[in-house]
C-alpha atoms as a PDB file:
ATOM      1  CA  MET A   1       2.170  11.953  -3.541  1.00  0.00           C
ATOM      2  CA  SER A   2       4.568   9.060  -3.749  1.00  0.00           C
ATOM      3  CA  ASN A   3       3.561   5.435  -4.101  1.00  0.00           C
ATOM      4  CA  GLY A   4       4.641   4.826  -0.508  1.00  0.00           C
ATOM      5  CA  ASP A   5       2.370   7.564   0.792  1.00  0.00           C
ATOM      6  CA  LEU A   6      -0.559   6.265  -1.249  1.00  0.00           C
ATOM      7  CA  PHE A   7       0.085   2.748   0.061  1.00  0.00           C
ATOM      8  CA  TYR A   8      -0.020   3.942   3.656  1.00  0.00           C
ATOM      9  CA  VAL A   9      -3.181   5.993   3.045  1.00  0.00           C
ATOM     10  CA  CYS A  10      -4.999   3.105   1.341  1.00  0.00           C
ATOM     11  CA  GLY A  11      -3.862   0.653   3.995  1.00  0.00           C
ATOM     12  CA  SER A  12      -5.001   2.941   6.785  1.00  0.00           C
ATOM     13  CA  VAL A  13      -8.392   3.518   5.166  1.00  0.00           C
ATOM     14  CA  LEU A  14      -8.729  -0.245   4.708  1.00  0.00           C
ATOM     15  CA  ALA A  15      -7.972  -0.926   8.375  1.00  0.00           C
ATOM     16  CA  VAL A  16     -10.320   1.784   9.634  1.00  0.00           C
ATOM     17  CA  SER A  17     -13.052   0.604   7.277  1.00  0.00           C
ATOM     18  CA  ALA A  18     -12.706  -2.965   8.502  1.00  0.00           C
ATOM     19  CA  VAL A  19     -13.079  -1.888  12.112  1.00  0.00           C
ATOM     20  CA  LEU A  20     -16.058   0.370  11.365  1.00  0.00           C
ATOM     21  CA  ILE A  21     -17.854  -2.227   9.246  1.00  0.00           C
ATOM     22  CA  SER A  22     -17.250  -4.845  11.936  1.00  0.00           C
ATOM     23  CA  PHE A  23     -18.647  -2.525  14.585  1.00  0.00           C
ATOM     24  CA  ILE A  24     -21.700  -1.705  12.470  1.00  0.00           C
ATOM     25  CA  GLY A  25     -22.185  -5.387  11.637  1.00  0.00           C
ATOM     26  CA  LEU A  26     -22.178  -6.329  15.313  1.00  0.00           C
ATOM     27  CA  ARG A  27     -24.615  -3.549  16.254  1.00  0.00           C
ATOM     28  CA  VAL A  28     -27.121  -3.654  13.385  1.00  0.00           C
ATOM     29  CA  LYS A  29     -28.852  -6.986  12.934  1.00  0.00           C
ATOM     30  CA  SER A  30     -29.912  -6.419   9.319  1.00  0.00           C
ATOM     31  CA  PHE A  31     -26.507  -5.151   8.142  1.00  0.00           C
ATOM     32  CA  PRO A  32     -25.396  -5.259   5.340  1.00  0.00           C
ATOM     33  CA  GLY A  33     -28.705  -6.365   3.829  1.00  0.00           C
ATOM     34  CA  ARG A  34     -29.096  -4.797   0.417  1.00  0.00           C
ATOM     35  CA  PHE A  35     -25.721  -3.053   0.737  1.00  0.00           C
ATOM     36  CA  VAL A  36     -23.711  -6.282   0.318  1.00  0.00           C
ATOM     37  CA  PRO A  37     -22.509  -5.379  -3.201  1.00  0.00           C
ATOM     38  CA  LEU A  38     -21.499  -1.886  -2.094  1.00  0.00           C
ATOM     39  CA  VAL A  39     -19.578  -3.141   0.949  1.00  0.00           C
ATOM     40  CA  ALA A  40     -17.891  -5.881  -1.090  1.00  0.00           C
ATOM     41  CA  LEU A  41     -16.940  -3.433  -3.847  1.00  0.00           C
ATOM     42  CA  TRP A  42     -15.540  -0.994  -1.264  1.00  0.00           C
ATOM     43  CA  PHE A  43     -13.234  -3.638   0.206  1.00  0.00           C
ATOM     44  CA  VAL A  44     -12.218  -5.064  -3.175  1.00  0.00           C
ATOM     45  CA  ALA A  45     -11.265  -1.560  -4.325  1.00  0.00           C
ATOM     46  CA  LEU A  46      -9.287  -0.817  -1.151  1.00  0.00           C
ATOM     47  CA  VAL A  47      -7.455  -4.152  -1.185  1.00  0.00           C
ATOM     48  CA  GLY A  48      -6.663  -3.715  -4.880  1.00  0.00           C
ATOM     49  CA  ALA A  49      -5.397  -0.168  -4.386  1.00  0.00           C
ATOM     50  CA  SER A  50      -3.333  -1.111  -1.331  1.00  0.00           C
ATOM     51  CA  THR A  51      -1.767  -4.062  -3.136  1.00  0.00           C
ATOM     52  CA  THR A  52      -1.031  -2.037  -6.255  1.00  0.00           C
ATOM     53  CA  PHE A  53       0.641   0.787  -4.371  1.00  0.00           C
ATOM     54  CA  ALA A  54       2.582  -1.682  -2.205  1.00  0.00           C
ATOM     55  CA  VAL A  55       4.063  -3.305  -5.318  1.00  0.00           C
ATOM     56  CA  LEU A  56       4.827   0.067  -6.928  1.00  0.00           C
ATOM     57  CA  HIS A  57       6.452   1.296  -3.707  1.00  0.00           C
ATOM     58  CA  ALA A  58       8.582  -1.844  -3.521  1.00  0.00           C
ATOM     59  CA  GLN A  59       9.700  -1.318  -7.128  1.00  0.00           C
ATOM     60  CA  ASP A  60      10.601   2.306  -6.375  1.00  0.00           C
ATOM     61  CA  GLU A  61      12.627   1.206  -3.353  1.00  0.00           C
ATOM     62  CA  GLU A  62      14.377  -1.463  -5.414  1.00  0.00           C
ATOM     63  CA  ARG A  63      15.346   1.071  -8.089  1.00  0.00           C
ATOM     64  CA  ALA A  64      16.606   3.528  -5.470  1.00  0.00           C
ATOM     65  CA  LYS A  65      18.675   0.820  -3.788  1.00  0.00           C
ATOM     66  CA  ALA A  66      20.158  -0.283  -7.137  1.00  0.00           C
ATOM     67  CA  ALA A  67      21.091   3.304  -7.989  1.00  0.00           C
ATOM     68  CA  GLU A  68      22.660   3.740  -4.559  1.00  0.00           C
ATOM     69  CA  ASP A  69      24.659   0.516  -4.948  1.00  0.00           C
ATOM     70  CA  THR A  70      25.838   1.563  -8.415  1.00  0.00           C
ATOM     71  CA  ALA A  71      26.970   4.960  -7.151  1.00  0.00           C
ATOM     72  CA  ALA A  72      28.791   3.367  -4.222  1.00  0.00           C
ATOM     73  CA  SER A  73      30.549   0.855  -6.463  1.00  0.00           C
ATOM     74  CA  GLU A  74      31.658   3.621  -8.862  1.00  0.00           C
ATOM     75  CA  LEU A  75      33.004   5.611  -5.923  1.00  0.00           C
ATOM     76  CA  ASP A  76      34.937   2.549  -4.713  1.00  0.00           C
ATOM     77  CA  GLU A  77      36.419   2.021  -8.167  1.00  0.00           C
ATOM     78  CA  GLU A  78      37.548   5.649  -8.342  1.00  0.00           C
ATOM     79  CA  THR A  79      39.095   5.426  -4.873  1.00  0.00           C
ATOM     80  CA  GLU A  80      40.964   2.222  -5.734  1.00  0.00           C
ATOM     81  CA  ALA A  81      42.253   3.681  -9.018  1.00  0.00           C
ATOM     82  CA  GLN A  82      43.920   6.564  -7.180  1.00  0.00           C
END
Protein backbone atom coordinates (compact mmCIF):
# COMPACT_ATOMS: atom_id res chain seq x y z
CA MET A 1 0.00 0.00 0.00
CA SER A 2 1.28 3.44 -0.82
CA ASN A 3 1.52 6.30 1.64
CA GLY A 4 -1.38 8.01 -0.12
CA ASP A 5 -3.62 4.99 0.32
CA LEU A 6 -2.68 4.68 3.99
CA PHE A 7 -3.40 8.39 4.48
CA TYR A 8 -6.87 8.04 2.99
CA VAL A 9 -7.60 4.91 5.06
CA CYS A 10 -6.46 6.52 8.32
CA GLY A 11 -8.33 9.73 7.55
CA SER A 12 -11.50 7.83 6.75
CA VAL A 13 -11.27 5.75 9.92
CA LEU A 14 -10.68 8.95 11.89
CA ALA A 15 -13.76 10.63 10.41
CA VAL A 16 -15.99 7.59 10.94
CA SER A 17 -14.69 7.19 14.49
CA ALA A 18 -15.44 10.82 15.28
CA VAL A 19 -19.01 10.47 14.08
CA LEU A 20 -19.56 7.20 15.94
CA ILE A 21 -18.05 8.46 19.19
CA SER A 22 -20.13 11.63 18.93
CA PHE A 23 -23.27 9.59 18.39
CA ILE A 24 -22.47 7.30 21.32
CA GLY A 25 -21.59 10.30 23.49
CA LEU A 26 -24.94 11.94 22.76
CA ARG A 27 -26.90 8.74 23.44
CA VAL A 28 -25.13 7.33 26.51
CA LYS A 29 -25.09 9.65 29.50
CA SER A 30 -22.16 7.98 31.27
CA PHE A 31 -19.93 7.79 28.17
CA PRO A 32 -16.91 7.69 28.10
CA GLY A 33 -16.62 7.19 31.86
CA ARG A 34 -13.71 4.90 32.59
CA PHE A 35 -12.92 4.58 28.87
CA VAL A 36 -11.56 8.15 28.59
CA PRO A 37 -7.92 7.01 28.24
CA LEU A 38 -8.85 4.43 25.61
CA VAL A 39 -10.89 6.91 23.55
CA ALA A 40 -8.18 9.56 23.84
CA LEU A 41 -5.46 7.09 22.85
CA TRP A 42 -7.54 5.93 19.86
CA PHE A 43 -7.87 9.47 18.52
CA VAL A 44 -4.25 10.40 19.25
CA ALA A 45 -3.10 7.31 17.34
CA LEU A 46 -5.39 8.02 14.37
CA VAL A 47 -4.45 11.70 14.17
CA GLY A 48 -0.76 10.80 14.42
CA ALA A 49 -1.03 8.13 11.73
CA SER A 50 -3.05 10.38 9.42
CA THR A 51 -0.58 13.24 9.82
CA THR A 52 2.43 11.00 9.30
CA PHE A 53 1.07 9.43 6.14
CA ALA A 54 -0.06 12.83 4.82
CA VAL A 55 3.49 14.17 5.15
CA LEU A 56 5.01 11.03 3.60
CA HIS A 57 2.51 11.18 0.73
CA ALA A 58 3.35 14.84 0.12
CA GLN A 59 7.06 13.99 0.03
CA ASP A 60 6.42 11.18 -2.45
CA GLU A 61 4.42 13.55 -4.66
CA GLU A 62 7.17 16.16 -4.45
CA ARG A 63 9.82 13.63 -5.52
CA ALA A 64 7.65 12.41 -8.40
CA LYS A 65 7.04 15.97 -9.58
CA ALA A 66 10.78 16.79 -9.39
CA ALA A 67 11.63 13.68 -11.41
CA GLU A 68 8.98 14.58 -13.97
CA ASP A 69 10.31 18.14 -14.26
CA THR A 70 13.88 16.87 -14.66
CA ALA A 71 12.85 14.45 -17.40
CA ALA A 72 10.91 17.18 -19.20
CA SER A 73 13.82 19.61 -19.01
CA GLU A 74 16.24 16.98 -20.37
CA LEU A 75 13.85 16.28 -23.24
CA ASP A 76 13.65 20.01 -24.01
CA GLU A 77 17.44 20.29 -24.03
CA GLU A 78 17.73 17.35 -26.43
CA THR A 79 15.09 18.85 -28.72
CA GLU A 80 16.81 22.25 -28.76
CA ALA A 81 20.21 20.68 -29.48
CA GLN A 82 18.89 19.05 -32.65
